[in-house]
Amino acid sequence: MNADLPRKPHRVGRVVVSSLTVLGVVAGAALISACSQQSDNQTAQQQQQQAATDDQARKDADEKAWAEAVRTDTVAGFNAYLEKFSAGAHVGEALQRIATLNDQARKDADEKAWNDAVRANTVAAMNSYILNFAAGAHVGEARARITALNEQARKDADEKAWADAVRTGTTAAFNTYLQNYGSGAHAAEARQRVAALDEKARKDADEKAWGDAVRAGTAAAFNTYLQSYGSGAHAAEARQRMAALESQGRREVPVVDIQATCQAAAGVMVSLLGGSTGDQDVKGCLDSEQKARDQIVKDLSTYGPVDKVRCMRTNVYLPSYVEWLTCLEMERDVRKMNIGQTPATGVYTLPKVRPALNW
């Protein structure tokens, strides 16, 4: 039966089957394509949703970090925000806050340093402030204070030096003040005090020298006073006393013929040494004798009465003022040694040509 069936329908059937297969494949592909498109759309939506979620999370983290930085309100806090959110919503504001905080910190440090300097109130403290804050708010005032402090220190030193000078009260002390403070507040008074002290010292020395001269009571002592105080308070009286003593001495000192004494002395020298008598020898002798007499007259008050009688003898052979002076000075010096005084030395030098000795 099967063999008798015609083949054509069989081919048709295969064709039909094939068509159906193709249609199924196409339908499936379409279905698959539709499903795939639906899946892609879902993925895109999910990605968009995730992106929106991530962006919101980032924004939330940004806001949270910013709120924390604002809460601390420190340079470190804002720098921490910038490190985490260099492109955050508040970068500009963070930078501005940092600048503001740094400027405030600088101002605070400036004020603190200035207050410390004012509290110390020394030149060193003011200089330290200027060194650390060369462009600080108080540099001008610091320089003004340094000038004022230096001026005050100079005044204080001036006053202390003056007080020391007044307390000492000597010419040397006032001169020391003037050396250090020649333009000081008390310079004029110091010069006045120096002048007054010098004048007082001169007067005191004048009075002492006069007292010494009066105590000695000799022409030599008054002459010594006049040599030191020729314009002193007692100069006129010293001259009067010296003249009176010399006048008295001239009256008391006997007059001898020194011409005869010198001629005889020169003859003795010729007989002893040979040669001839020269006018120069006689002249030298006369000069020595006159000087000896002047010295005796000048110091007559210093010789004792007994010594005058013993030494100034006119009744000997060829009396000599030189011999008298030698005798008088020896007696006087021996007496001084006996009472513990230093004998006078160098009062008179014996002449080279002496008259004959009276022994």
Foldseek 3Di string as FASTA:
>chain_A
DVVPDDCVVVVVVVVVVVVVVVVVVVVVVVVVVVVVVVVVVVVVVVVVVVVVVVVVVVLVVLVVLVVVLVVVLALVSLVVSCVVCVPGPCNVVSVVSNVVRVVVVVLVVLVVLVVVLVVVLDLVSLVVSCVVCVPGPCVVVSVVSNVVRVVVVVLVVLVVLVVVLVVVQALVSLVVSCVVCVPHPCNVVSVVSNVVRVVVVVLVVLVVLVVVLVVLLFLVSLVVSCVVCVPHPCNVVSVVSNVVLLVVLVVVQDDDDQLVQLVQQQVVCCVVPNDDRDPVSSVLAVVQQVVLSSLCSRCVVLFDPVLCVVQRDPPFPSDTSLSSSVSRLVVSCVVCVVVPHHRDPPSDDHTPRYGDDGD
